[in-house]
Amino acid sequence: MERDDKFSGAGTPSGRCGPLPRGRRLPREQVLASQRRRLVEGVAAALVDGGCSGITVKRVIEAAGVSRSTFYEHFDNAAAALAGAHAETAERLTEAISGRCRPERRWAARVDAAIGATLEFAAAEPALTRLLTLEAAAFEPALAPAVLAVHGRFAAMLAGGREHSRAGSPPPIAEAFLVGGISRTIARGLAMNEAELLPELREPLVELVTGLVQNDFR
């Protein structure tokens, strides 16, 4: 029996991954890292291309350009590949945001940097970014806890602005609402093939977030 566990997704067409590094002298660690990167990108591509009909191991390896045996060296099944791809993409985005949000910066500046980094990441990696949206969680319930955990971390960062509120604290769900709204906005841009335009939303989104959390709309 073929181990092609199915998972649903939606999106727009994407290309195959680039070539693997070649040569017998390459360290095994480098080869494995390259294979895993390609598989992660293959998961994202399969999720985009498969639509609601779901993704399979076959679609992942075709998108990644690797063998079935290589797939099973890294993941047990499609579920593990999907979870792994989400985790690694979330880590990459977190690193991108952390690199911009220095602790010594004021809260509003950190929010501006975080939103900017997120939009730039989405523009540069649209297929991978789909793995982090609420839409991905809706299409694949098994992914929901991980997606919501990532959103929770971002919401916690926004909650730091409450101490600067000028007119009392906003409702407790304000930060989760904002993160969900940003996720929806990014997902909409990706669905409309407008990933390259997402960075242009930085200023209005920053104003919305800081205005609501600090009760300081202009």
N, C-alpha and C. Protein backbone atom coordinates (compact mmCIF):
# COMPACT_ATOMS: atom_id res chain seq x y z
N MET A 1 0.86 -1.20 0.00
CA MET A 1 0.00 0.00 0.00
C MET A 1 0.89 1.24 0.00
N GLU A 2 0.56 2.18 -0.84
CA GLU A 2 1.37 3.40 -0.94
C GLU A 2 1.06 4.32 0.22
N ARG A 3 2.12 4.90 0.81
CA ARG A 3 1.95 5.76 1.99
C ARG A 3 1.76 7.21 1.56
N ASP A 4 0.69 7.52 0.87
CA ASP A 4 0.41 8.87 0.39
C ASP A 4 -0.69 9.48 1.22
N ASP A 5 -0.41 9.82 2.48
CA ASP A 5 -1.39 10.49 3.33
C ASP A 5 -1.75 11.81 2.67
N LYS A 6 -3.05 12.14 2.67
CA LYS A 6 -3.49 13.33 1.96
C LYS A 6 -3.76 14.48 2.91
N PHE A 7 -3.45 15.67 2.43
CA PHE A 7 -3.72 16.89 3.18
C PHE A 7 -4.18 17.94 2.21
N SER A 8 -5.13 18.77 2.64
CA SER A 8 -5.69 19.76 1.75
C SER A 8 -4.96 21.08 1.84
N GLY A 9 -5.13 21.90 0.78
CA GLY A 9 -4.49 23.21 0.75
C GLY A 9 -5.06 23.98 -0.41
N ALA A 10 -4.66 25.24 -0.54
CA ALA A 10 -5.15 26.04 -1.64
C ALA A 10 -4.09 27.02 -2.03
N GLY A 11 -4.16 27.48 -3.29
CA GLY A 11 -3.19 28.48 -3.65
C GLY A 11 -3.02 28.60 -5.14
N THR A 12 -1.86 29.09 -5.53
CA THR A 12 -1.56 29.37 -6.91
C THR A 12 -0.38 28.53 -7.35
N PRO A 13 -0.17 28.39 -8.67
CA PRO A 13 0.91 27.54 -9.16
C PRO A 13 2.27 28.01 -8.68
N SER A 14 3.20 27.07 -8.52
CA SER A 14 4.57 27.39 -8.16
C SER A 14 5.49 26.44 -8.89
N GLY A 15 6.77 26.79 -9.01
CA GLY A 15 7.72 25.99 -9.77
C GLY A 15 8.37 24.92 -8.93
N ARG A 16 9.14 24.08 -9.63
CA ARG A 16 9.89 23.04 -8.96
C ARG A 16 11.10 23.63 -8.29
N CYS A 17 11.68 22.88 -7.37
CA CYS A 17 12.87 23.34 -6.66
C CYS A 17 14.08 23.27 -7.59
N GLY A 18 15.12 23.99 -7.24
CA GLY A 18 16.34 24.00 -8.03
C GLY A 18 17.12 22.71 -7.84
N PRO A 19 18.27 22.59 -8.53
CA PRO A 19 19.03 21.35 -8.48
C PRO A 19 19.70 21.11 -7.15
N LEU A 20 19.88 19.85 -6.82
CA LEU A 20 20.62 19.47 -5.62
C LEU A 20 22.09 19.75 -5.81
N PRO A 21 22.83 20.06 -4.75
CA PRO A 21 24.28 20.18 -4.88
C PRO A 21 24.87 18.84 -5.27
N ARG A 22 25.85 18.86 -6.18
CA ARG A 22 26.40 17.62 -6.69
C ARG A 22 27.87 17.47 -6.34
N GLY A 23 28.37 16.24 -6.45
CA GLY A 23 29.77 15.99 -6.18
C GLY A 23 29.94 15.07 -4.98
N ARG A 24 30.83 14.10 -5.10
CA ARG A 24 31.01 13.14 -4.03
C ARG A 24 31.66 13.74 -2.79
N ARG A 25 32.32 14.88 -2.94
CA ARG A 25 33.06 15.43 -1.83
C ARG A 25 32.20 16.26 -0.87
N LEU A 26 30.95 16.46 -1.22
CA LEU A 26 30.08 17.23 -0.34
C LEU A 26 29.86 16.48 0.97
N PRO A 27 29.97 17.18 2.11
CA PRO A 27 29.71 16.52 3.39
C PRO A 27 28.26 16.03 3.43
N ARG A 28 28.04 14.90 4.09
CA ARG A 28 26.69 14.34 4.16
C ARG A 28 25.73 15.33 4.81
N GLU A 29 26.22 16.07 5.81
CA GLU A 29 25.36 17.05 6.48
C GLU A 29 24.83 18.09 5.50
N GLN A 30 25.67 18.50 4.56
CA GLN A 30 25.26 19.49 3.56
C GLN A 30 24.23 18.90 2.61
N VAL A 31 24.45 17.65 2.21
CA VAL A 31 23.50 16.99 1.32
C VAL A 31 22.14 16.84 2.00
N LEU A 32 22.14 16.40 3.26
CA LEU A 32 20.89 16.22 4.00
C LEU A 32 20.16 17.54 4.19
N ALA A 33 20.92 18.60 4.50
CA ALA A 33 20.31 19.92 4.68
C ALA A 33 19.67 20.40 3.39
N SER A 34 20.36 20.18 2.27
CA SER A 34 19.81 20.58 0.97
C SER A 34 18.56 19.79 0.64
N GLN A 35 18.59 18.48 0.91
CA GLN A 35 17.41 17.65 0.65
C GLN A 35 16.22 18.11 1.48
N ARG A 36 16.47 18.39 2.74
CA ARG A 36 15.36 18.79 3.62
C ARG A 36 14.80 20.14 3.19
N ARG A 37 15.67 21.07 2.81
CA ARG A 37 15.19 22.37 2.34
C ARG A 37 14.30 22.17 1.11
N ARG A 38 14.74 21.33 0.18
CA ARG A 38 13.95 21.07 -1.02
C ARG A 38 12.61 20.43 -0.68
N LEU A 39 12.62 19.51 0.28
CA LEU A 39 11.38 18.86 0.68
C LEU A 39 10.42 19.85 1.33
N VAL A 40 10.94 20.73 2.17
CA VAL A 40 10.09 21.76 2.78
C VAL A 40 9.46 22.63 1.70
N GLU A 41 10.27 23.04 0.73
CA GLU A 41 9.74 23.83 -0.38
C GLU A 41 8.77 23.01 -1.22
N GLY A 42 9.05 21.70 -1.33
CA GLY A 42 8.15 20.83 -2.07
C GLY A 42 6.80 20.69 -1.40
N VAL A 43 6.79 20.63 -0.06
CA VAL A 43 5.53 20.59 0.68
C VAL A 43 4.72 21.84 0.39
N ALA A 44 5.37 23.00 0.45
CA ALA A 44 4.67 24.26 0.20
C ALA A 44 4.13 24.30 -1.23
N ALA A 45 4.94 23.87 -2.18
CA ALA A 45 4.51 23.87 -3.58
C ALA A 45 3.35 22.91 -3.80
N ALA A 46 3.42 21.74 -3.17
CA ALA A 46 2.34 20.76 -3.32
C ALA A 46 1.06 21.27 -2.68
N LEU A 47 1.21 21.97 -1.55
CA LEU A 47 0.04 22.53 -0.87
C LEU A 47 -0.63 23.58 -1.75
N VAL A 48 0.19 24.38 -2.43
CA VAL A 48 -0.34 25.40 -3.33
C VAL A 48 -0.98 24.77 -4.56
N ASP A 49 -0.26 23.86 -5.21
CA ASP A 49 -0.74 23.30 -6.47
C ASP A 49 -1.87 22.30 -6.29
N GLY A 50 -1.93 21.64 -5.11
CA GLY A 50 -2.92 20.59 -4.92
C GLY A 50 -4.31 21.10 -4.67
N GLY A 51 -4.44 22.33 -4.22
CA GLY A 51 -5.77 22.86 -3.92
C GLY A 51 -6.46 22.02 -2.86
N CYS A 52 -7.76 22.05 -2.87
CA CYS A 52 -8.54 21.34 -1.85
C CYS A 52 -8.49 19.83 -2.01
N SER A 53 -8.00 19.35 -3.15
CA SER A 53 -7.92 17.90 -3.35
C SER A 53 -6.86 17.26 -2.48
N GLY A 54 -5.97 18.06 -1.93
CA GLY A 54 -5.00 17.55 -0.98
C GLY A 54 -3.62 17.32 -1.58
N ILE A 55 -2.65 17.16 -0.69
CA ILE A 55 -1.29 16.89 -1.13
C ILE A 55 -0.92 15.47 -0.73
N THR A 56 0.04 14.90 -1.45
CA THR A 56 0.51 13.54 -1.18
C THR A 56 2.03 13.51 -1.23
N VAL A 57 2.58 12.40 -0.78
CA VAL A 57 4.03 12.22 -0.86
C VAL A 57 4.47 12.33 -2.31
N LYS A 58 3.70 11.77 -3.22
CA LYS A 58 4.04 11.82 -4.64
C LYS A 58 4.17 13.26 -5.12
N ARG A 59 3.21 14.11 -4.74
CA ARG A 59 3.27 15.51 -5.17
C ARG A 59 4.46 16.22 -4.56
N VAL A 60 4.77 15.90 -3.31
CA VAL A 60 5.90 16.56 -2.64
C VAL A 60 7.21 16.21 -3.33
N ILE A 61 7.43 14.92 -3.61
CA ILE A 61 8.71 14.53 -4.20
C ILE A 61 8.82 15.02 -5.64
N GLU A 62 7.69 15.12 -6.34
CA GLU A 62 7.74 15.67 -7.69
C GLU A 62 8.10 17.14 -7.66
N ALA A 63 7.53 17.88 -6.73
CA ALA A 63 7.84 19.31 -6.61
C ALA A 63 9.27 19.52 -6.13
N ALA A 64 9.74 18.65 -5.24
CA ALA A 64 11.08 18.80 -4.68
C ALA A 64 12.16 18.26 -5.61
N GLY A 65 11.77 17.36 -6.51
CA GLY A 65 12.73 16.77 -7.41
C GLY A 65 13.65 15.77 -6.72
N VAL A 66 13.10 15.03 -5.76
CA VAL A 66 13.88 14.01 -5.05
C VAL A 66 13.16 12.67 -5.16
N SER A 67 13.86 11.62 -4.75
CA SER A 67 13.28 10.28 -4.82
C SER A 67 12.38 10.01 -3.62
N ARG A 68 11.55 8.99 -3.76
CA ARG A 68 10.69 8.59 -2.65
C ARG A 68 11.53 8.12 -1.46
N SER A 69 12.63 7.42 -1.73
CA SER A 69 13.48 6.95 -0.63
C SER A 69 14.10 8.12 0.12
N THR A 70 14.45 9.18 -0.62
CA THR A 70 14.98 10.38 0.04
C THR A 70 13.94 11.01 0.94
N PHE A 71 12.69 11.05 0.47
CA PHE A 71 11.61 11.59 1.29
C PHE A 71 11.54 10.86 2.62
N TYR A 72 11.55 9.52 2.56
CA TYR A 72 11.38 8.73 3.78
C TYR A 72 12.63 8.72 4.67
N GLU A 73 13.73 9.24 4.17
CA GLU A 73 14.89 9.44 5.04
C GLU A 73 14.65 10.60 5.99
N HIS A 74 13.77 11.53 5.59
CA HIS A 74 13.53 12.73 6.37
C HIS A 74 12.19 12.72 7.10
N PHE A 75 11.17 12.14 6.49
CA PHE A 75 9.83 12.16 7.07
C PHE A 75 9.18 10.79 6.97
N ASP A 76 8.34 10.47 7.95
CA ASP A 76 7.66 9.18 7.94
C ASP A 76 6.49 9.15 6.98
N ASN A 77 5.85 10.28 6.79
CA ASN A 77 4.67 10.34 5.94
C ASN A 77 4.35 11.80 5.61
N ALA A 78 3.27 12.02 4.89
CA ALA A 78 2.91 13.37 4.49
C ALA A 78 2.58 14.25 5.69
N ALA A 79 1.99 13.65 6.72
CA ALA A 79 1.65 14.43 7.92
C ALA A 79 2.91 14.97 8.57
N ALA A 80 3.93 14.13 8.68
CA ALA A 80 5.18 14.57 9.29
C ALA A 80 5.86 15.63 8.43
N ALA A 81 5.77 15.49 7.12
CA ALA A 81 6.37 16.47 6.23
C ALA A 81 5.67 17.82 6.36
N LEU A 82 4.36 17.79 6.45
CA LEU A 82 3.60 19.02 6.59
C LEU A 82 3.93 19.72 7.90
N ALA A 83 3.97 18.94 8.99
CA ALA A 83 4.30 19.51 10.29
C ALA A 83 5.73 20.05 10.31
N GLY A 84 6.65 19.30 9.71
CA GLY A 84 8.04 19.75 9.67
C GLY A 84 8.21 21.01 8.85
N ALA A 85 7.52 21.07 7.71
CA ALA A 85 7.62 22.25 6.86
C ALA A 85 7.07 23.48 7.57
N HIS A 86 5.97 23.30 8.28
CA HIS A 86 5.41 24.42 9.04
C HIS A 86 6.38 24.89 10.11
N ALA A 87 6.94 23.95 10.87
CA ALA A 87 7.84 24.31 11.97
C ALA A 87 9.07 25.05 11.45
N GLU A 88 9.65 24.56 10.36
CA GLU A 88 10.85 25.19 9.85
C GLU A 88 10.56 26.56 9.25
N THR A 89 9.40 26.70 8.62
CA THR A 89 9.03 28.00 8.08
C THR A 89 8.77 29.00 9.20
N ALA A 90 8.08 28.55 10.25
CA ALA A 90 7.83 29.41 11.41
C ALA A 90 9.14 29.86 12.05
N GLU A 91 10.10 28.95 12.11
CA GLU A 91 11.40 29.29 12.69
C GLU A 91 12.11 30.34 11.84
N ARG A 92 12.04 30.19 10.53
CA ARG A 92 12.67 31.17 9.63
C ARG A 92 12.05 32.54 9.78
N LEU A 93 10.72 32.59 9.86
CA LEU A 93 10.05 33.88 10.03
C LEU A 93 10.38 34.48 11.38
N THR A 94 10.40 33.66 12.43
CA THR A 94 10.73 34.15 13.76
C THR A 94 12.14 34.73 13.79
N GLU A 95 13.07 34.07 13.13
CA GLU A 95 14.44 34.58 13.06
C GLU A 95 14.50 35.91 12.32
N ALA A 96 13.72 36.02 11.24
CA ALA A 96 13.70 37.27 10.47
C ALA A 96 13.16 38.42 11.32
N ILE A 97 12.11 38.12 12.10
CA ILE A 97 11.52 39.15 12.96
C ILE A 97 12.46 39.50 14.10
N SER A 98 13.04 38.49 14.73
CA SER A 98 13.93 38.73 15.87
C SER A 98 15.13 39.57 15.46
N GLY A 99 15.59 39.37 14.23
CA GLY A 99 16.73 40.14 13.76
C GLY A 99 16.44 41.62 13.63
N ARG A 100 15.17 41.95 13.47
CA ARG A 100 14.77 43.36 13.34
C ARG A 100 14.36 43.98 14.67
N CYS A 101 13.83 43.15 15.57
CA CYS A 101 13.22 43.67 16.82
C CYS A 101 14.22 43.63 17.97
N ARG A 102 15.15 44.53 17.98
CA ARG A 102 16.12 44.59 19.06
C ARG A 102 15.43 45.01 20.36
N PRO A 103 15.80 44.40 21.48
CA PRO A 103 15.14 44.67 22.77
C PRO A 103 15.17 46.14 23.17
N GLU A 104 16.21 46.86 22.78
CA GLU A 104 16.33 48.25 23.22
C GLU A 104 15.41 49.20 22.45
N ARG A 105 14.79 48.70 21.38
CA ARG A 105 13.92 49.57 20.60
C ARG A 105 12.58 49.75 21.31
N ARG A 106 11.95 50.89 21.09
CA ARG A 106 10.64 51.14 21.68
C ARG A 106 9.61 50.18 21.08
N TRP A 107 8.51 49.97 21.82
CA TRP A 107 7.50 49.00 21.41
C TRP A 107 6.98 49.29 20.01
N ALA A 108 6.62 50.53 19.73
CA ALA A 108 6.06 50.88 18.41
C ALA A 108 7.07 50.59 17.30
N ALA A 109 8.34 50.83 17.56
CA ALA A 109 9.37 50.56 16.56
C ALA A 109 9.52 49.06 16.34
N ARG A 110 9.38 48.27 17.41
CA ARG A 110 9.48 46.82 17.27
C ARG A 110 8.30 46.28 16.47
N VAL A 111 7.12 46.82 16.72
CA VAL A 111 5.93 46.40 15.96
C VAL A 111 6.12 46.73 14.48
N ASP A 112 6.60 47.92 14.20
CA ASP A 112 6.84 48.34 12.83
C ASP A 112 7.83 47.39 12.15
N ALA A 113 8.91 47.06 12.87
CA ALA A 113 9.92 46.17 12.31
C ALA A 113 9.37 44.77 12.10
N ALA A 114 8.58 44.28 13.05
CA ALA A 114 8.02 42.92 12.96
C ALA A 114 7.05 42.80 11.78
N ILE A 115 6.18 43.78 11.64
CA ILE A 115 5.22 43.75 10.53
C ILE A 115 5.96 43.88 9.20
N GLY A 116 6.95 44.75 9.17
CA GLY A 116 7.74 44.90 7.95
C GLY A 116 8.44 43.62 7.57
N ALA A 117 9.06 42.95 8.55
CA ALA A 117 9.76 41.70 8.30
C ALA A 117 8.80 40.61 7.83
N THR A 118 7.62 40.57 8.41
CA THR A 118 6.63 39.56 8.04
C THR A 118 6.16 39.75 6.60
N LEU A 119 5.87 40.98 6.24
CA LEU A 119 5.40 41.27 4.88
C LEU A 119 6.49 41.01 3.85
N GLU A 120 7.72 41.34 4.19
CA GLU A 120 8.83 41.09 3.27
C GLU A 120 9.07 39.59 3.10
N PHE A 121 8.94 38.83 4.20
CA PHE A 121 9.08 37.38 4.13
C PHE A 121 8.00 36.80 3.23
N ALA A 122 6.77 37.26 3.40
CA ALA A 122 5.66 36.76 2.59
C ALA A 122 5.86 37.07 1.12
N ALA A 123 6.40 38.25 0.83
CA ALA A 123 6.65 38.63 -0.56
C ALA A 123 7.75 37.79 -1.18
N ALA A 124 8.76 37.44 -0.38
CA ALA A 124 9.89 36.67 -0.89
C ALA A 124 9.60 35.17 -0.93
N GLU A 125 8.76 34.69 -0.01
CA GLU A 125 8.47 33.25 0.11
C GLU A 125 6.96 33.01 0.18
N PRO A 126 6.24 33.33 -0.88
CA PRO A 126 4.77 33.22 -0.82
C PRO A 126 4.26 31.80 -0.56
N ALA A 127 4.88 30.81 -1.19
CA ALA A 127 4.41 29.44 -1.00
C ALA A 127 4.62 28.98 0.44
N LEU A 128 5.80 29.24 0.99
CA LEU A 128 6.07 28.85 2.37
C LEU A 128 5.17 29.60 3.34
N THR A 129 4.91 30.87 3.06
CA THR A 129 4.10 31.68 3.97
C THR A 129 2.70 31.12 4.11
N ARG A 130 2.18 30.48 3.08
CA ARG A 130 0.84 29.90 3.16
C ARG A 130 0.73 28.89 4.29
N LEU A 131 1.85 28.25 4.64
CA LEU A 131 1.83 27.27 5.71
C LEU A 131 1.54 27.89 7.06
N LEU A 132 1.72 29.22 7.19
CA LEU A 132 1.59 29.90 8.48
C LEU A 132 0.26 30.61 8.64
N THR A 133 -0.58 30.61 7.61
CA THR A 133 -1.82 31.37 7.67
C THR A 133 -2.96 30.57 8.30
N LEU A 134 -3.97 31.29 8.74
CA LEU A 134 -5.16 30.63 9.28
C LEU A 134 -5.86 29.79 8.23
N GLU A 135 -5.72 30.18 6.96
CA GLU A 135 -6.33 29.41 5.90
C GLU A 135 -5.73 28.00 5.82
N ALA A 136 -4.41 27.91 6.05
CA ALA A 136 -3.77 26.58 6.05
C ALA A 136 -4.35 25.73 7.17
N ALA A 137 -4.56 26.33 8.33
CA ALA A 137 -5.14 25.60 9.46
C ALA A 137 -6.56 25.16 9.16
N ALA A 138 -7.30 25.99 8.42
CA ALA A 138 -8.68 25.64 8.09
C ALA A 138 -8.72 24.47 7.11
N PHE A 139 -7.80 24.44 6.15
CA PHE A 139 -7.77 23.36 5.17
C PHE A 139 -7.24 22.08 5.78
N GLU A 140 -6.30 22.21 6.73
CA GLU A 140 -5.74 21.01 7.36
C GLU A 140 -5.81 21.15 8.88
N PRO A 141 -6.85 20.61 9.51
CA PRO A 141 -7.04 20.75 10.96
C PRO A 141 -5.85 20.30 11.79
N ALA A 142 -5.09 19.31 11.30
CA ALA A 142 -3.94 18.83 12.07
C ALA A 142 -2.88 19.91 12.23
N LEU A 143 -2.91 20.91 11.33
CA LEU A 143 -1.93 21.99 11.38
C LEU A 143 -2.38 23.12 12.30
N ALA A 144 -3.64 23.12 12.68
CA ALA A 144 -4.21 24.24 13.44
C ALA A 144 -3.48 24.56 14.74
N PRO A 145 -3.17 23.58 15.60
CA PRO A 145 -2.49 23.92 16.86
C PRO A 145 -1.15 24.64 16.64
N ALA A 146 -0.38 24.18 15.65
CA ALA A 146 0.91 24.80 15.39
C ALA A 146 0.74 26.21 14.84
N VAL A 147 -0.22 26.40 13.93
CA VAL A 147 -0.47 27.73 13.38
C VAL A 147 -0.91 28.69 14.48
N LEU A 148 -1.83 28.24 15.31
CA LEU A 148 -2.33 29.10 16.38
C LEU A 148 -1.24 29.41 17.42
N ALA A 149 -0.33 28.47 17.62
CA ALA A 149 0.77 28.72 18.55
C ALA A 149 1.68 29.84 18.04
N VAL A 150 1.97 29.83 16.74
CA VAL A 150 2.78 30.90 16.15
C VAL A 150 2.05 32.23 16.27
N HIS A 151 0.76 32.23 15.96
CA HIS A 151 -0.02 33.47 16.08
C HIS A 151 -0.05 33.95 17.53
N GLY A 152 -0.10 33.01 18.46
CA GLY A 152 -0.11 33.37 19.87
C GLY A 152 1.16 34.09 20.29
N ARG A 153 2.30 33.66 19.75
CA ARG A 153 3.56 34.31 20.07
C ARG A 153 3.57 35.75 19.57
N PHE A 154 3.05 35.95 18.37
CA PHE A 154 3.00 37.30 17.83
C PHE A 154 2.02 38.17 18.62
N ALA A 155 0.90 37.59 19.01
CA ALA A 155 -0.08 38.34 19.80
C ALA A 155 0.52 38.75 21.14
N ALA A 156 1.31 37.88 21.74
CA ALA A 156 1.95 38.21 23.01
C ALA A 156 2.90 39.39 22.86
N MET A 157 3.58 39.45 21.73
CA MET A 157 4.47 40.59 21.49
C MET A 157 3.68 41.89 21.41
N LEU A 158 2.53 41.84 20.74
CA LEU A 158 1.71 43.04 20.63
C LEU A 158 1.16 43.48 21.99
N ALA A 159 0.91 42.51 22.86
CA ALA A 159 0.35 42.84 24.17
C ALA A 159 1.27 43.74 24.98
N GLY A 160 2.54 43.76 24.62
CA GLY A 160 3.47 44.62 25.34
C GLY A 160 3.16 46.10 25.21
N GLY A 161 2.34 46.46 24.25
CA GLY A 161 2.01 47.86 24.06
C GLY A 161 0.91 48.36 24.97
N ARG A 162 0.27 47.46 25.70
CA ARG A 162 -0.83 47.87 26.57
C ARG A 162 -0.36 48.87 27.64
N GLU A 163 0.85 48.74 28.09
CA GLU A 163 1.34 49.64 29.14
C GLU A 163 1.43 51.08 28.67
N HIS A 164 1.41 51.26 27.32
CA HIS A 164 1.49 52.62 26.79
C HIS A 164 0.12 53.18 26.43
N SER A 165 -0.94 52.42 26.71
CA SER A 165 -2.28 52.86 26.35
C SER A 165 -2.63 54.16 27.04
N ARG A 166 -3.25 55.07 26.29
CA ARG A 166 -3.58 56.40 26.81
C ARG A 166 -5.01 56.49 27.33
N ALA A 167 -5.81 55.50 27.01
CA ALA A 167 -7.22 55.61 27.40
C ALA A 167 -7.75 54.28 27.90
N GLY A 168 -6.98 53.61 28.74
CA GLY A 168 -7.41 52.31 29.23
C GLY A 168 -7.02 51.19 28.30
N SER A 169 -7.08 49.98 28.78
CA SER A 169 -6.66 48.83 27.98
C SER A 169 -7.72 48.43 26.97
N PRO A 170 -7.29 47.95 25.78
CA PRO A 170 -8.25 47.44 24.78
C PRO A 170 -8.80 46.10 25.25
N PRO A 171 -9.82 45.57 24.58
CA PRO A 171 -10.38 44.26 24.96
C PRO A 171 -9.30 43.18 24.96
N PRO A 172 -9.44 42.15 25.79
CA PRO A 172 -8.44 41.08 25.88
C PRO A 172 -8.14 40.38 24.56
N ILE A 173 -9.13 40.35 23.66
CA ILE A 173 -8.93 39.63 22.39
C ILE A 173 -8.30 40.51 21.31
N ALA A 174 -7.96 41.74 21.65
CA ALA A 174 -7.49 42.70 20.64
C ALA A 174 -6.28 42.17 19.87
N GLU A 175 -5.28 41.66 20.58
CA GLU A 175 -4.06 41.22 19.91
C GLU A 175 -4.31 40.02 19.00
N ALA A 176 -5.11 39.06 19.48
CA ALA A 176 -5.43 37.89 18.64
C ALA A 176 -6.21 38.32 17.40
N PHE A 177 -7.09 39.28 17.58
CA PHE A 177 -7.87 39.81 16.46
C PHE A 177 -6.95 40.45 15.42
N LEU A 178 -5.98 41.22 15.89
CA LEU A 178 -5.07 41.90 14.98
C LEU A 178 -4.20 40.90 14.22
N VAL A 179 -3.65 39.92 14.93
CA VAL A 179 -2.79 38.93 14.28
C VAL A 179 -3.60 38.13 13.25
N GLY A 180 -4.83 37.75 13.63
CA GLY A 180 -5.68 37.04 12.69
C GLY A 180 -6.00 37.88 11.47
N GLY A 181 -6.22 39.18 11.69
CA GLY A 181 -6.51 40.08 10.57
C GLY A 181 -5.33 40.23 9.64
N ILE A 182 -4.14 40.33 10.21
CA ILE A 182 -2.94 40.43 9.38
C ILE A 182 -2.74 39.14 8.59
N SER A 183 -2.99 37.99 9.24
CA SER A 183 -2.87 36.71 8.55
C SER A 183 -3.84 36.64 7.38
N ARG A 184 -5.06 37.06 7.60
CA ARG A 184 -6.06 37.06 6.53
C ARG A 184 -5.64 37.98 5.39
N THR A 185 -5.10 39.14 5.74
CA THR A 185 -4.67 40.10 4.73
C THR A 185 -3.56 39.52 3.88
N ILE A 186 -2.60 38.87 4.52
CA ILE A 186 -1.50 38.25 3.78
C ILE A 186 -2.02 37.12 2.90
N ALA A 187 -2.90 36.27 3.46
CA ALA A 187 -3.45 35.16 2.70
C ALA A 187 -4.21 35.66 1.47
N ARG A 188 -4.93 36.74 1.62
CA ARG A 188 -5.68 37.30 0.49
C ARG A 188 -4.72 37.77 -0.60
N GLY A 189 -3.64 38.44 -0.20
CA GLY A 189 -2.67 38.90 -1.18
C GLY A 189 -2.02 37.74 -1.91
N LEU A 190 -1.74 36.66 -1.19
CA LEU A 190 -1.14 35.48 -1.82
C LEU A 190 -2.12 34.82 -2.77
N ALA A 191 -3.37 34.72 -2.36
CA ALA A 191 -4.39 34.09 -3.20
C ALA A 191 -4.62 34.86 -4.50
N MET A 192 -4.41 36.18 -4.44
CA MET A 192 -4.61 37.03 -5.62
C MET A 192 -3.32 37.23 -6.41
N ASN A 193 -2.29 36.45 -6.07
CA ASN A 193 -1.00 36.56 -6.75
C ASN A 193 -0.41 37.97 -6.66
N GLU A 194 -0.58 38.58 -5.51
CA GLU A 194 -0.07 39.93 -5.29
C GLU A 194 0.93 39.96 -4.14
N ALA A 195 1.72 38.90 -4.01
CA ALA A 195 2.68 38.82 -2.92
C ALA A 195 3.66 39.98 -2.94
N GLU A 196 4.07 40.38 -4.14
CA GLU A 196 5.06 41.46 -4.24
C GLU A 196 4.54 42.80 -3.75
N LEU A 197 3.21 42.93 -3.62
CA LEU A 197 2.61 44.18 -3.17
C LEU A 197 2.43 44.24 -1.65
N LEU A 198 2.61 43.12 -0.98
CA LEU A 198 2.35 43.06 0.46
C LEU A 198 3.19 44.06 1.27
N PRO A 199 4.47 44.28 0.97
CA PRO A 199 5.24 45.25 1.76
C PRO A 199 4.63 46.66 1.76
N GLU A 200 3.81 46.97 0.76
CA GLU A 200 3.18 48.29 0.70
C GLU A 200 2.12 48.47 1.80
N LEU A 201 1.71 47.37 2.42
CA LEU A 201 0.70 47.44 3.48
C LEU A 201 1.32 47.73 4.84
N ARG A 202 2.61 47.86 4.91
CA ARG A 202 3.29 48.03 6.19
C ARG A 202 2.77 49.23 6.97
N GLU A 203 2.75 50.39 6.37
CA GLU A 203 2.35 51.60 7.09
C GLU A 203 0.92 51.53 7.62
N PRO A 204 -0.08 51.19 6.78
CA PRO A 204 -1.45 51.12 7.32
C PRO A 204 -1.63 50.06 8.39
N LEU A 205 -0.95 48.92 8.26
CA LEU A 205 -1.08 47.88 9.27
C LEU A 205 -0.44 48.30 10.59
N VAL A 206 0.71 48.95 10.51
CA VAL A 206 1.37 49.44 11.74
C VAL A 206 0.49 50.46 12.43
N GLU A 207 -0.09 51.36 11.66
CA GLU A 207 -0.96 52.38 12.26
C GLU A 207 -2.18 51.73 12.92
N LEU A 208 -2.74 50.70 12.27
CA LEU A 208 -3.90 50.02 12.84
C LEU A 208 -3.53 49.33 14.15
N VAL A 209 -2.42 48.60 14.16
CA VAL A 209 -2.01 47.85 15.35
C VAL A 209 -1.69 48.79 16.50
N THR A 210 -0.84 49.76 16.27
CA THR A 210 -0.44 50.66 17.35
C THR A 210 -1.62 51.50 17.82
N GLY A 211 -2.49 51.88 16.89
CA GLY A 211 -3.64 52.69 17.26
C GLY A 211 -4.62 51.93 18.14
N LEU A 212 -4.88 50.66 17.80
CA LEU A 212 -5.83 49.88 18.59
C LEU A 212 -5.26 49.49 19.95
N VAL A 213 -4.03 48.99 19.97
CA VAL A 213 -3.45 48.54 21.23
C VAL A 213 -3.18 49.71 22.17
N GLN A 214 -2.78 50.85 21.62
CA GLN A 214 -2.50 52.00 22.46
C GLN A 214 -3.67 52.97 22.55
N ASN A 215 -4.79 52.66 21.88
CA ASN A 215 -5.95 53.57 21.84
C ASN A 215 -5.53 54.96 21.42
N ASP A 216 -4.78 55.01 20.32
CA ASP A 216 -4.18 56.29 19.90
C ASP A 216 -4.34 56.51 18.40
N PHE A 217 -5.56 56.35 17.90
CA PHE A 217 -5.78 56.61 16.47
C PHE A 217 -5.70 58.09 16.18
N ARG A 218 -5.15 58.41 15.02
CA ARG A 218 -5.06 59.81 14.62
C ARG A 218 -6.21 60.14 13.70
